[in-house]
N, C-alpha and C. Protein backbone atom coordinates (compact mmCIF):
# COMPACT_ATOMS: atom_id res chain seq x y z
N UNK A 1 -10.47 -7.87 14.24
CA UNK A 1 -10.97 -9.08 13.60
C UNK A 1 -10.73 -9.01 12.09
N UNK A 2 -10.21 -10.10 11.53
CA UNK A 2 -9.95 -10.12 10.09
C UNK A 2 -11.26 -10.10 9.30
N UNK A 3 -11.24 -9.37 8.19
CA UNK A 3 -12.41 -9.25 7.33
C UNK A 3 -12.17 -10.04 6.04
N UNK A 4 -13.22 -10.65 5.54
CA UNK A 4 -13.10 -11.44 4.31
C UNK A 4 -13.28 -10.60 3.06
N UNK A 5 -13.76 -9.38 3.22
CA UNK A 5 -14.03 -8.54 2.06
C UNK A 5 -12.79 -7.83 1.55
N UNK A 6 -13.01 -6.95 0.58
CA UNK A 6 -11.95 -6.17 -0.05
C UNK A 6 -12.07 -4.71 0.36
N UNK A 7 -10.93 -4.10 0.62
CA UNK A 7 -10.90 -2.66 0.89
C UNK A 7 -10.58 -1.93 -0.41
N UNK A 8 -11.51 -1.14 -0.87
CA UNK A 8 -11.34 -0.32 -2.07
C UNK A 8 -10.92 1.08 -1.64
N UNK A 9 -9.79 1.55 -2.18
CA UNK A 9 -9.32 2.90 -1.86
C UNK A 9 -9.18 3.67 -3.16
N UNK A 10 -9.76 4.87 -3.19
CA UNK A 10 -9.71 5.72 -4.39
C UNK A 10 -8.98 7.00 -4.04
N UNK A 11 -7.88 7.27 -4.75
CA UNK A 11 -7.11 8.48 -4.55
C UNK A 11 -7.46 9.55 -5.56
N UNK A 12 -6.61 10.59 -5.60
CA UNK A 12 -6.90 11.76 -6.41
C UNK A 12 -6.41 11.66 -7.85
N UNK A 13 -5.71 10.57 -8.19
CA UNK A 13 -5.17 10.43 -9.54
C UNK A 13 -6.21 9.99 -10.54
N UNK A 14 -5.74 9.63 -11.74
CA UNK A 14 -6.64 9.18 -12.80
C UNK A 14 -7.37 7.91 -12.37
N UNK A 15 -8.68 7.90 -12.56
CA UNK A 15 -9.51 6.77 -12.11
C UNK A 15 -9.88 5.88 -13.29
N UNK A 16 -9.50 4.61 -13.19
CA UNK A 16 -9.87 3.61 -14.19
C UNK A 16 -10.70 2.56 -13.47
N UNK A 17 -11.95 2.39 -13.88
CA UNK A 17 -12.91 1.63 -13.07
C UNK A 17 -12.90 0.13 -13.32
N UNK A 18 -11.80 -0.40 -13.86
CA UNK A 18 -11.72 -1.83 -14.12
C UNK A 18 -11.89 -2.62 -12.82
N UNK A 19 -12.90 -3.48 -12.80
CA UNK A 19 -13.19 -4.34 -11.65
C UNK A 19 -13.50 -3.54 -10.39
N UNK A 20 -13.98 -2.33 -10.55
CA UNK A 20 -14.41 -1.55 -9.39
C UNK A 20 -15.86 -1.91 -9.07
N UNK A 21 -16.04 -2.92 -8.25
CA UNK A 21 -17.39 -3.43 -7.97
C UNK A 21 -17.50 -3.75 -6.47
N UNK A 22 -17.51 -2.74 -5.61
CA UNK A 22 -17.67 -3.01 -4.18
C UNK A 22 -18.99 -3.72 -3.89
N UNK A 23 -18.92 -4.71 -3.02
CA UNK A 23 -20.09 -5.48 -2.65
C UNK A 23 -20.28 -5.44 -1.14
N UNK A 24 -21.34 -6.04 -0.68
CA UNK A 24 -21.58 -6.10 0.76
C UNK A 24 -20.41 -6.81 1.44
N UNK A 25 -19.92 -6.23 2.51
CA UNK A 25 -18.77 -6.78 3.21
C UNK A 25 -17.47 -6.12 2.82
N UNK A 26 -17.48 -5.35 1.71
CA UNK A 26 -16.30 -4.60 1.31
C UNK A 26 -16.28 -3.25 2.03
N UNK A 27 -15.16 -2.55 1.93
CA UNK A 27 -14.99 -1.28 2.63
C UNK A 27 -14.43 -0.29 1.64
N UNK A 28 -15.05 0.87 1.50
CA UNK A 28 -14.67 1.87 0.51
C UNK A 28 -14.13 3.11 1.22
N UNK A 29 -12.90 3.48 0.87
CA UNK A 29 -12.26 4.66 1.45
C UNK A 29 -11.92 5.65 0.35
N UNK A 30 -12.29 6.89 0.54
CA UNK A 30 -11.84 7.98 -0.33
C UNK A 30 -10.60 8.58 0.29
N UNK A 31 -9.50 8.57 -0.47
CA UNK A 31 -8.26 9.18 0.00
C UNK A 31 -8.14 10.56 -0.62
N UNK A 32 -8.39 11.58 0.20
CA UNK A 32 -8.30 12.97 -0.22
C UNK A 32 -9.15 13.22 -1.47
N UNK A 33 -8.52 13.59 -2.61
CA UNK A 33 -9.27 13.96 -3.80
C UNK A 33 -10.10 12.84 -4.39
N UNK A 34 -9.91 11.62 -3.93
CA UNK A 34 -10.77 10.53 -4.36
C UNK A 34 -12.22 10.75 -3.95
N UNK A 35 -12.42 11.61 -2.97
CA UNK A 35 -13.78 11.95 -2.55
C UNK A 35 -14.58 12.53 -3.71
N UNK A 36 -13.94 13.37 -4.51
CA UNK A 36 -14.63 13.96 -5.64
C UNK A 36 -15.01 12.92 -6.68
N UNK A 37 -14.09 12.00 -6.95
CA UNK A 37 -14.36 10.94 -7.92
C UNK A 37 -15.55 10.08 -7.49
N UNK A 38 -15.54 9.66 -6.24
CA UNK A 38 -16.61 8.79 -5.74
C UNK A 38 -17.93 9.55 -5.61
N UNK A 39 -17.86 10.84 -5.33
CA UNK A 39 -19.09 11.64 -5.25
C UNK A 39 -19.76 11.73 -6.62
N UNK A 40 -18.95 11.97 -7.65
CA UNK A 40 -19.50 12.04 -9.01
C UNK A 40 -20.11 10.71 -9.41
N UNK A 41 -19.47 9.63 -9.00
CA UNK A 41 -19.98 8.29 -9.32
C UNK A 41 -21.14 7.88 -8.42
N UNK A 42 -21.43 8.68 -7.42
CA UNK A 42 -22.47 8.39 -6.44
C UNK A 42 -22.22 7.03 -5.75
N UNK A 43 -20.94 6.80 -5.44
CA UNK A 43 -20.53 5.59 -4.73
C UNK A 43 -20.50 5.86 -3.23
N UNK A 44 -21.14 5.03 -2.47
CA UNK A 44 -21.16 5.20 -1.02
C UNK A 44 -19.76 4.98 -0.46
N UNK A 45 -19.35 5.87 0.45
CA UNK A 45 -18.03 5.79 1.07
C UNK A 45 -18.18 5.46 2.55
N UNK A 46 -17.39 4.49 3.00
CA UNK A 46 -17.41 4.14 4.42
C UNK A 46 -16.51 5.07 5.23
N UNK A 47 -15.52 5.66 4.58
CA UNK A 47 -14.56 6.51 5.27
C UNK A 47 -13.94 7.47 4.27
N UNK A 48 -13.63 8.68 4.74
CA UNK A 48 -12.92 9.67 3.94
C UNK A 48 -11.71 10.11 4.74
N UNK A 49 -10.53 10.06 4.12
CA UNK A 49 -9.30 10.37 4.85
C UNK A 49 -8.42 11.29 4.01
N UNK A 50 -7.76 12.23 4.64
CA UNK A 50 -6.84 13.09 3.91
C UNK A 50 -6.55 14.39 4.63
N UNK A 51 -5.62 15.16 4.06
CA UNK A 51 -5.37 16.51 4.57
C UNK A 51 -6.18 17.54 3.80
N UNK A 52 -6.70 17.15 2.64
CA UNK A 52 -7.63 17.92 1.84
C UNK A 52 -7.07 19.26 1.37
N UNK A 53 -5.73 19.36 1.32
CA UNK A 53 -5.13 20.60 0.86
C UNK A 53 -5.38 20.84 -0.62
N UNK A 54 -5.39 19.77 -1.40
CA UNK A 54 -5.62 19.92 -2.85
C UNK A 54 -7.10 20.19 -3.15
N UNK A 55 -7.99 19.76 -2.27
CA UNK A 55 -9.42 19.96 -2.49
C UNK A 55 -9.85 21.37 -2.09
N UNK A 56 -9.23 21.91 -1.06
CA UNK A 56 -9.59 23.24 -0.60
C UNK A 56 -10.78 23.29 0.32
N UNK A 57 -11.30 22.13 0.69
CA UNK A 57 -12.42 22.09 1.64
C UNK A 57 -12.45 20.73 2.33
N UNK A 58 -13.06 20.70 3.50
CA UNK A 58 -13.23 19.45 4.23
C UNK A 58 -14.53 18.78 3.78
N UNK A 59 -14.49 17.53 3.32
CA UNK A 59 -15.71 16.89 2.82
C UNK A 59 -16.82 16.82 3.85
N UNK A 60 -18.03 16.98 3.38
CA UNK A 60 -19.22 16.86 4.23
C UNK A 60 -19.62 15.39 4.26
N UNK A 61 -18.99 14.64 5.15
CA UNK A 61 -19.22 13.21 5.27
C UNK A 61 -19.22 12.85 6.75
N UNK A 62 -20.06 11.90 7.17
CA UNK A 62 -20.15 11.59 8.61
C UNK A 62 -18.91 10.93 9.19
N UNK A 63 -18.04 10.35 8.34
CA UNK A 63 -16.85 9.68 8.86
C UNK A 63 -15.63 10.19 8.11
N UNK A 64 -15.01 11.21 8.67
CA UNK A 64 -13.83 11.83 8.08
C UNK A 64 -12.66 11.70 9.05
N UNK A 65 -11.51 11.27 8.53
CA UNK A 65 -10.27 11.25 9.31
C UNK A 65 -9.38 12.36 8.76
N UNK A 66 -9.16 13.38 9.57
CA UNK A 66 -8.34 14.50 9.16
C UNK A 66 -6.86 14.19 9.39
N UNK A 67 -6.04 14.46 8.38
CA UNK A 67 -4.60 14.25 8.49
C UNK A 67 -3.88 15.59 8.40
N UNK A 68 -2.75 15.71 9.07
CA UNK A 68 -1.97 16.94 8.91
C UNK A 68 -1.33 17.00 7.52
N UNK A 69 -1.08 18.21 7.03
CA UNK A 69 -0.44 18.36 5.73
C UNK A 69 0.98 17.80 5.77
N UNK A 70 1.70 18.07 6.86
CA UNK A 70 3.06 17.58 7.02
C UNK A 70 3.03 16.26 7.79
N UNK A 71 3.32 15.15 7.08
CA UNK A 71 3.21 13.82 7.67
C UNK A 71 4.12 12.87 6.91
N UNK A 72 4.36 11.70 7.50
CA UNK A 72 5.19 10.70 6.85
C UNK A 72 4.41 9.91 5.81
N UNK A 73 3.17 9.55 6.09
CA UNK A 73 2.34 8.76 5.18
C UNK A 73 1.74 9.63 4.08
N UNK A 74 1.66 9.08 2.87
CA UNK A 74 0.80 9.69 1.87
C UNK A 74 -0.64 9.46 2.29
N UNK A 75 -1.57 10.17 1.65
CA UNK A 75 -2.98 9.95 1.97
C UNK A 75 -3.38 8.52 1.65
N UNK A 76 -2.84 7.97 0.55
CA UNK A 76 -3.16 6.59 0.19
C UNK A 76 -2.63 5.62 1.23
N UNK A 77 -1.39 5.84 1.68
CA UNK A 77 -0.82 4.95 2.68
C UNK A 77 -1.57 5.04 4.00
N UNK A 78 -1.98 6.23 4.37
CA UNK A 78 -2.78 6.39 5.59
C UNK A 78 -4.10 5.63 5.47
N UNK A 79 -4.71 5.67 4.28
CA UNK A 79 -5.96 4.93 4.06
C UNK A 79 -5.73 3.43 4.16
N UNK A 80 -4.61 2.97 3.61
CA UNK A 80 -4.29 1.54 3.71
C UNK A 80 -4.15 1.12 5.17
N UNK A 81 -3.46 1.92 5.96
CA UNK A 81 -3.29 1.60 7.38
C UNK A 81 -4.64 1.54 8.10
N UNK A 82 -5.53 2.46 7.77
CA UNK A 82 -6.85 2.47 8.41
C UNK A 82 -7.64 1.23 8.03
N UNK A 83 -7.54 0.82 6.77
CA UNK A 83 -8.20 -0.42 6.36
C UNK A 83 -7.60 -1.62 7.06
N UNK A 84 -6.26 -1.61 7.17
CA UNK A 84 -5.56 -2.72 7.85
C UNK A 84 -6.01 -2.83 9.30
N UNK A 85 -6.11 -1.71 9.98
CA UNK A 85 -6.53 -1.72 11.39
C UNK A 85 -7.95 -2.24 11.55
N UNK A 86 -8.74 -2.15 10.50
CA UNK A 86 -10.11 -2.67 10.54
C UNK A 86 -10.19 -4.12 10.10
N UNK A 87 -9.05 -4.72 9.82
CA UNK A 87 -9.03 -6.15 9.54
C UNK A 87 -9.01 -6.55 8.08
N UNK A 88 -8.89 -5.59 7.18
CA UNK A 88 -8.89 -5.93 5.76
C UNK A 88 -7.47 -6.29 5.31
N UNK A 89 -7.37 -7.34 4.50
CA UNK A 89 -6.08 -7.80 4.02
C UNK A 89 -5.97 -7.82 2.50
N UNK A 90 -7.09 -7.59 1.81
CA UNK A 90 -7.09 -7.51 0.35
C UNK A 90 -7.52 -6.11 -0.06
N UNK A 91 -6.74 -5.50 -0.96
CA UNK A 91 -6.95 -4.10 -1.34
C UNK A 91 -6.97 -3.93 -2.84
N UNK A 92 -7.81 -3.03 -3.30
CA UNK A 92 -7.78 -2.58 -4.68
C UNK A 92 -7.64 -1.06 -4.64
N UNK A 93 -6.55 -0.57 -5.24
CA UNK A 93 -6.21 0.84 -5.18
C UNK A 93 -6.46 1.50 -6.53
N UNK A 94 -7.27 2.55 -6.52
CA UNK A 94 -7.62 3.30 -7.72
C UNK A 94 -7.21 4.76 -7.53
N UNK A 95 -7.07 5.47 -8.65
CA UNK A 95 -6.69 6.87 -8.54
C UNK A 95 -5.30 7.03 -7.96
N UNK A 96 -4.45 6.04 -8.19
CA UNK A 96 -3.10 6.07 -7.65
C UNK A 96 -2.03 6.15 -8.72
N UNK A 97 -2.44 6.44 -9.96
CA UNK A 97 -1.51 6.53 -11.08
C UNK A 97 -1.94 7.69 -11.98
N UNK A 98 -1.14 7.95 -13.00
CA UNK A 98 -1.55 8.92 -14.02
C UNK A 98 -1.20 10.35 -13.71
N UNK A 99 -0.71 10.62 -12.50
CA UNK A 99 -0.32 11.99 -12.15
C UNK A 99 1.17 12.06 -11.91
N UNK A 100 1.55 12.50 -10.72
CA UNK A 100 2.97 12.59 -10.38
C UNK A 100 3.59 11.21 -10.27
N UNK A 101 4.74 11.05 -10.93
CA UNK A 101 5.39 9.74 -10.93
C UNK A 101 5.85 9.34 -9.53
N UNK A 102 6.20 10.32 -8.68
CA UNK A 102 6.64 9.96 -7.34
C UNK A 102 5.51 9.34 -6.53
N UNK A 103 4.28 9.82 -6.74
CA UNK A 103 3.14 9.22 -6.04
C UNK A 103 2.82 7.83 -6.59
N UNK A 104 2.99 7.65 -7.91
CA UNK A 104 2.81 6.31 -8.47
C UNK A 104 3.81 5.34 -7.86
N UNK A 105 5.07 5.76 -7.75
CA UNK A 105 6.10 4.91 -7.12
C UNK A 105 5.75 4.64 -5.67
N UNK A 106 5.26 5.65 -4.96
CA UNK A 106 4.87 5.46 -3.56
C UNK A 106 3.75 4.42 -3.45
N UNK A 107 2.82 4.46 -4.38
CA UNK A 107 1.72 3.49 -4.34
C UNK A 107 2.19 2.09 -4.69
N UNK A 108 3.17 1.98 -5.58
CA UNK A 108 3.77 0.67 -5.85
C UNK A 108 4.48 0.15 -4.60
N UNK A 109 5.16 1.03 -3.88
CA UNK A 109 5.79 0.62 -2.64
C UNK A 109 4.77 0.15 -1.61
N UNK A 110 3.60 0.76 -1.63
CA UNK A 110 2.57 0.34 -0.67
C UNK A 110 2.12 -1.09 -0.92
N UNK A 111 2.20 -1.54 -2.17
CA UNK A 111 1.89 -2.94 -2.47
C UNK A 111 2.89 -3.87 -1.78
N UNK A 112 4.15 -3.44 -1.74
CA UNK A 112 5.19 -4.21 -1.07
C UNK A 112 4.94 -4.23 0.44
N UNK A 113 4.58 -3.08 0.99
CA UNK A 113 4.24 -2.98 2.42
C UNK A 113 3.16 -4.00 2.79
N UNK A 114 2.13 -4.06 1.98
CA UNK A 114 1.05 -5.01 2.23
C UNK A 114 1.54 -6.45 2.12
N UNK A 115 2.28 -6.73 1.05
CA UNK A 115 2.72 -8.09 0.79
C UNK A 115 3.59 -8.62 1.92
N UNK A 116 4.48 -7.81 2.43
CA UNK A 116 5.40 -8.26 3.48
C UNK A 116 4.72 -8.45 4.82
N UNK A 117 3.47 -8.04 4.92
CA UNK A 117 2.69 -8.24 6.14
C UNK A 117 1.59 -9.28 5.96
N UNK A 118 1.63 -9.97 4.83
CA UNK A 118 0.65 -11.02 4.60
C UNK A 118 -0.60 -10.58 3.89
N UNK A 119 -0.63 -9.34 3.40
CA UNK A 119 -1.78 -8.86 2.64
C UNK A 119 -1.53 -8.93 1.15
N UNK A 120 -2.49 -8.45 0.39
CA UNK A 120 -2.35 -8.42 -1.07
C UNK A 120 -3.07 -7.19 -1.59
N UNK A 121 -2.35 -6.36 -2.33
CA UNK A 121 -2.94 -5.18 -2.92
C UNK A 121 -2.80 -5.18 -4.42
N UNK A 122 -3.74 -4.55 -5.10
CA UNK A 122 -3.72 -4.42 -6.55
C UNK A 122 -3.85 -2.93 -6.89
N UNK A 123 -2.86 -2.40 -7.59
CA UNK A 123 -2.89 -1.01 -8.04
C UNK A 123 -3.35 -1.00 -9.49
N UNK A 124 -4.42 -0.29 -9.77
CA UNK A 124 -5.06 -0.32 -11.09
C UNK A 124 -4.68 0.93 -11.88
N UNK A 125 -3.95 0.73 -13.00
CA UNK A 125 -3.61 1.82 -13.90
C UNK A 125 -4.50 1.81 -15.12
N UNK A 126 -4.12 2.60 -16.13
CA UNK A 126 -4.97 2.76 -17.31
C UNK A 126 -5.21 1.44 -18.03
N UNK A 127 -4.15 0.71 -18.33
CA UNK A 127 -4.28 -0.58 -19.01
C UNK A 127 -3.40 -1.63 -18.36
N UNK A 128 -3.08 -1.43 -17.08
CA UNK A 128 -2.22 -2.36 -16.36
C UNK A 128 -2.64 -2.46 -14.91
N UNK A 129 -2.22 -3.54 -14.30
CA UNK A 129 -2.45 -3.76 -12.87
C UNK A 129 -1.14 -4.25 -12.28
N UNK A 130 -0.87 -3.86 -11.04
CA UNK A 130 0.34 -4.30 -10.35
C UNK A 130 -0.03 -4.90 -9.01
N UNK A 131 0.78 -5.89 -8.60
CA UNK A 131 0.63 -6.50 -7.28
C UNK A 131 2.00 -6.96 -6.83
N UNK A 132 2.16 -7.21 -5.54
CA UNK A 132 3.43 -7.71 -5.00
C UNK A 132 3.20 -9.04 -4.30
N UNK A 133 4.21 -9.91 -4.36
CA UNK A 133 4.16 -11.19 -3.66
C UNK A 133 5.46 -11.36 -2.88
N UNK A 134 5.33 -11.86 -1.66
CA UNK A 134 6.48 -12.12 -0.79
C UNK A 134 6.45 -13.57 -0.33
N UNK A 135 7.52 -14.28 -0.62
CA UNK A 135 7.62 -15.70 -0.21
C UNK A 135 6.34 -16.45 -0.57
N UNK A 136 5.88 -16.26 -1.81
CA UNK A 136 4.62 -16.88 -2.21
C UNK A 136 4.46 -16.89 -3.71
N UNK A 137 3.22 -16.90 -4.17
CA UNK A 137 2.97 -17.03 -5.60
C UNK A 137 1.68 -16.37 -6.02
N UNK A 138 1.56 -16.12 -7.32
CA UNK A 138 0.34 -15.67 -7.97
C UNK A 138 0.09 -16.56 -9.18
N UNK A 139 -1.16 -16.85 -9.43
CA UNK A 139 -1.51 -17.61 -10.63
C UNK A 139 -2.44 -16.76 -11.50
N UNK A 140 -2.37 -17.01 -12.81
CA UNK A 140 -3.19 -16.29 -13.77
C UNK A 140 -3.94 -17.31 -14.62
N UNK A 141 -5.21 -17.09 -14.88
CA UNK A 141 -5.98 -18.03 -15.70
C UNK A 141 -5.53 -18.00 -17.16
N UNK A 142 -5.92 -19.02 -17.89
CA UNK A 142 -5.48 -19.18 -19.27
C UNK A 142 -5.95 -18.06 -20.19
N UNK A 143 -7.06 -17.40 -19.85
CA UNK A 143 -7.59 -16.37 -20.75
C UNK A 143 -6.83 -15.06 -20.69
N UNK A 144 -5.87 -14.94 -19.80
CA UNK A 144 -5.09 -13.70 -19.75
C UNK A 144 -4.20 -13.60 -20.99
N UNK A 145 -4.14 -12.42 -21.58
CA UNK A 145 -3.28 -12.16 -22.72
C UNK A 145 -2.49 -10.88 -22.46
N UNK A 146 -1.43 -10.68 -23.22
CA UNK A 146 -0.67 -9.45 -23.09
C UNK A 146 0.65 -9.65 -22.38
N UNK A 147 1.22 -8.54 -21.94
CA UNK A 147 2.56 -8.51 -21.35
C UNK A 147 2.48 -8.61 -19.84
N UNK A 148 3.45 -9.31 -19.26
CA UNK A 148 3.59 -9.38 -17.80
C UNK A 148 5.08 -9.23 -17.47
N UNK A 149 5.38 -8.43 -16.46
CA UNK A 149 6.76 -8.20 -16.05
C UNK A 149 6.90 -8.44 -14.55
N UNK A 150 8.10 -8.85 -14.16
CA UNK A 150 8.38 -9.19 -12.77
C UNK A 150 9.65 -8.46 -12.35
N UNK A 151 9.59 -7.77 -11.21
CA UNK A 151 10.73 -6.99 -10.73
C UNK A 151 11.04 -7.35 -9.28
N UNK A 152 12.32 -7.44 -8.98
CA UNK A 152 12.76 -7.70 -7.62
C UNK A 152 12.60 -6.44 -6.77
N UNK A 153 12.04 -6.63 -5.58
CA UNK A 153 11.93 -5.55 -4.60
C UNK A 153 12.82 -5.90 -3.42
N UNK A 154 13.86 -5.12 -3.19
CA UNK A 154 14.89 -5.50 -2.23
C UNK A 154 16.12 -5.94 -3.00
N UNK A 155 17.18 -6.31 -2.29
CA UNK A 155 18.43 -6.67 -2.95
C UNK A 155 18.30 -7.91 -3.83
N UNK A 156 17.64 -8.96 -3.31
CA UNK A 156 17.56 -10.23 -4.02
C UNK A 156 16.19 -10.86 -3.83
N UNK A 157 15.77 -11.58 -4.84
CA UNK A 157 14.61 -12.45 -4.76
C UNK A 157 15.07 -13.82 -5.22
N UNK A 158 14.99 -14.80 -4.33
CA UNK A 158 15.54 -16.12 -4.61
C UNK A 158 14.43 -17.14 -4.88
N UNK A 159 14.78 -18.14 -5.67
CA UNK A 159 13.81 -19.18 -5.99
C UNK A 159 12.66 -18.67 -6.83
N UNK A 160 12.97 -17.80 -7.79
CA UNK A 160 11.92 -17.25 -8.66
C UNK A 160 11.58 -18.26 -9.75
N UNK A 161 10.31 -18.58 -9.85
CA UNK A 161 9.84 -19.54 -10.84
C UNK A 161 8.72 -18.93 -11.66
N UNK A 162 8.85 -18.99 -12.96
CA UNK A 162 7.83 -18.52 -13.89
C UNK A 162 7.38 -19.69 -14.74
N UNK A 163 6.12 -20.03 -14.67
CA UNK A 163 5.59 -21.17 -15.42
C UNK A 163 4.43 -20.71 -16.31
N UNK A 164 4.32 -21.32 -17.48
CA UNK A 164 3.21 -21.04 -18.38
C UNK A 164 3.34 -19.75 -19.14
N UNK A 165 4.45 -19.03 -18.99
CA UNK A 165 4.69 -17.79 -19.72
C UNK A 165 5.61 -18.05 -20.91
N UNK A 166 5.78 -17.06 -21.77
CA UNK A 166 6.64 -17.22 -22.95
C UNK A 166 8.07 -17.54 -22.54
N UNK A 167 8.56 -16.85 -21.52
CA UNK A 167 9.91 -17.10 -21.01
C UNK A 167 9.78 -17.64 -19.59
N UNK A 168 10.31 -18.80 -19.36
CA UNK A 168 10.16 -19.45 -18.07
C UNK A 168 11.46 -19.34 -17.25
N UNK A 169 11.30 -19.49 -15.96
CA UNK A 169 12.43 -19.54 -15.04
C UNK A 169 12.14 -20.62 -14.01
N UNK A 170 13.19 -21.20 -13.46
CA UNK A 170 13.02 -22.17 -12.38
C UNK A 170 14.09 -21.94 -11.33
N UNK A 171 13.65 -21.58 -10.13
CA UNK A 171 14.55 -21.37 -9.00
C UNK A 171 15.67 -20.37 -9.34
N UNK A 172 15.29 -19.29 -10.02
CA UNK A 172 16.26 -18.28 -10.42
C UNK A 172 16.41 -17.21 -9.33
N UNK A 173 17.44 -16.40 -9.47
CA UNK A 173 17.67 -15.27 -8.58
C UNK A 173 17.52 -13.98 -9.38
N UNK A 174 16.65 -13.09 -8.91
CA UNK A 174 16.52 -11.76 -9.50
C UNK A 174 17.09 -10.75 -8.52
N UNK A 175 17.68 -9.70 -9.05
CA UNK A 175 18.22 -8.64 -8.22
C UNK A 175 17.59 -7.30 -8.60
N UNK A 176 17.78 -6.32 -7.72
CA UNK A 176 17.13 -5.02 -7.93
C UNK A 176 17.83 -4.16 -8.97
N UNK A 177 19.01 -4.60 -9.45
CA UNK A 177 19.77 -3.74 -10.35
C UNK A 177 19.83 -4.24 -11.79
N UNK A 178 19.00 -5.25 -12.11
CA UNK A 178 18.97 -5.73 -13.50
C UNK A 178 17.56 -6.23 -13.82
N UNK A 179 16.90 -5.67 -14.85
CA UNK A 179 15.49 -5.97 -15.13
C UNK A 179 15.30 -7.24 -15.97
N UNK A 180 15.76 -8.35 -15.46
CA UNK A 180 15.65 -9.61 -16.21
C UNK A 180 14.20 -10.00 -16.48
N UNK A 181 13.30 -9.65 -15.58
CA UNK A 181 11.92 -10.13 -15.69
C UNK A 181 10.99 -9.25 -16.49
N UNK A 182 11.53 -8.24 -17.19
CA UNK A 182 10.65 -7.33 -17.92
C UNK A 182 10.18 -7.93 -19.24
N UNK A 183 8.97 -7.57 -19.65
CA UNK A 183 8.42 -7.90 -20.98
C UNK A 183 8.34 -9.40 -21.25
N UNK A 184 7.75 -10.13 -20.33
CA UNK A 184 7.35 -11.50 -20.60
C UNK A 184 5.95 -11.46 -21.21
N UNK A 185 5.34 -12.62 -21.44
CA UNK A 185 4.02 -12.61 -22.08
C UNK A 185 3.22 -13.83 -21.67
N UNK A 186 1.90 -13.63 -21.55
CA UNK A 186 0.99 -14.75 -21.35
C UNK A 186 0.90 -15.56 -22.64
N UNK A 187 0.58 -16.84 -22.52
CA UNK A 187 0.63 -17.73 -23.69
C UNK A 187 -0.68 -18.46 -23.96
N UNK A 188 -1.74 -18.11 -23.26
CA UNK A 188 -2.99 -18.84 -23.43
C UNK A 188 -3.08 -20.06 -22.55
N UNK A 189 -2.11 -20.22 -21.65
CA UNK A 189 -2.15 -21.30 -20.66
C UNK A 189 -2.20 -20.70 -19.26
N UNK A 190 -2.67 -21.46 -18.30
CA UNK A 190 -2.59 -21.00 -16.92
C UNK A 190 -1.11 -20.78 -16.57
N UNK A 191 -0.82 -19.70 -15.88
CA UNK A 191 0.57 -19.37 -15.58
C UNK A 191 0.74 -19.08 -14.10
N UNK A 192 2.00 -19.10 -13.66
CA UNK A 192 2.31 -18.93 -12.25
C UNK A 192 3.60 -18.14 -12.09
N UNK A 193 3.58 -17.21 -11.15
CA UNK A 193 4.77 -16.46 -10.75
C UNK A 193 4.98 -16.74 -9.28
N UNK A 194 6.17 -17.23 -8.92
CA UNK A 194 6.42 -17.62 -7.54
C UNK A 194 7.81 -17.15 -7.11
N UNK A 195 7.96 -16.90 -5.82
CA UNK A 195 9.26 -16.55 -5.25
C UNK A 195 9.38 -17.25 -3.90
N UNK A 196 10.49 -17.95 -3.71
CA UNK A 196 10.69 -18.70 -2.47
C UNK A 196 11.12 -17.80 -1.33
N UNK A 197 11.98 -16.82 -1.62
CA UNK A 197 12.47 -15.92 -0.59
C UNK A 197 12.66 -14.53 -1.18
N UNK A 198 11.89 -13.59 -0.69
CA UNK A 198 11.99 -12.23 -1.19
C UNK A 198 10.65 -11.72 -1.68
N UNK A 199 10.69 -10.56 -2.32
CA UNK A 199 9.48 -9.91 -2.79
C UNK A 199 9.60 -9.56 -4.26
N UNK A 200 8.54 -9.83 -5.00
CA UNK A 200 8.46 -9.48 -6.42
C UNK A 200 7.31 -8.51 -6.64
N UNK A 201 7.53 -7.53 -7.51
CA UNK A 201 6.46 -6.69 -8.01
C UNK A 201 6.08 -7.24 -9.38
N UNK A 202 4.81 -7.54 -9.56
CA UNK A 202 4.31 -8.13 -10.81
C UNK A 202 3.39 -7.11 -11.47
N UNK A 203 3.66 -6.81 -12.74
CA UNK A 203 2.87 -5.83 -13.49
C UNK A 203 2.39 -6.51 -14.77
N UNK A 204 1.08 -6.47 -14.99
CA UNK A 204 0.58 -7.10 -16.21
C UNK A 204 -0.36 -6.15 -16.95
N UNK A 205 -0.29 -6.24 -18.30
CA UNK A 205 -1.08 -5.41 -19.19
C UNK A 205 -2.14 -6.29 -19.85
N UNK A 206 -3.35 -5.77 -19.92
CA UNK A 206 -4.42 -6.52 -20.58
C UNK A 206 -5.22 -5.58 -21.46
């Protein structure tokens, strides 16, 4: 059954608590070392998942999903799948940046995985947030300021439209081998990023 709440997942990376406000109906998952972060914050966890090799111990929690050390999914991706199976389609990912760059890239890819299945994920970094859109759009309110960048995920993204930003596009084509959409900016107006066919990764700094 689909859930209307948000699935919050906290990994072992640097934790930035921007908009970390789980409410009733939301679902909180600790992915491996994220258990330590949430324990220190005294945040209730609905599920703990991981291989726990970096922690050196199995968490004392009533709902633990043990993963093998050798596996295809990262701990974060495994947590996303578990949330998906429980009906959650909106995700906020924390502790997924600030450490190894390969894991940051893996977490950015997980946003694409969600987007192509009709979900929406937000990866929260130190002063930036990333999300992916597939055959759809995102809007930003007028109070947003700072830099926003758009990157093609896959060979081509067709029908790319940017409205209300410093540099606009209409029905443009972006490709994966040229960063045309980098370093745009909010302008104090409501803005929109849309793609008719394909997937875009959107990163904004505030």
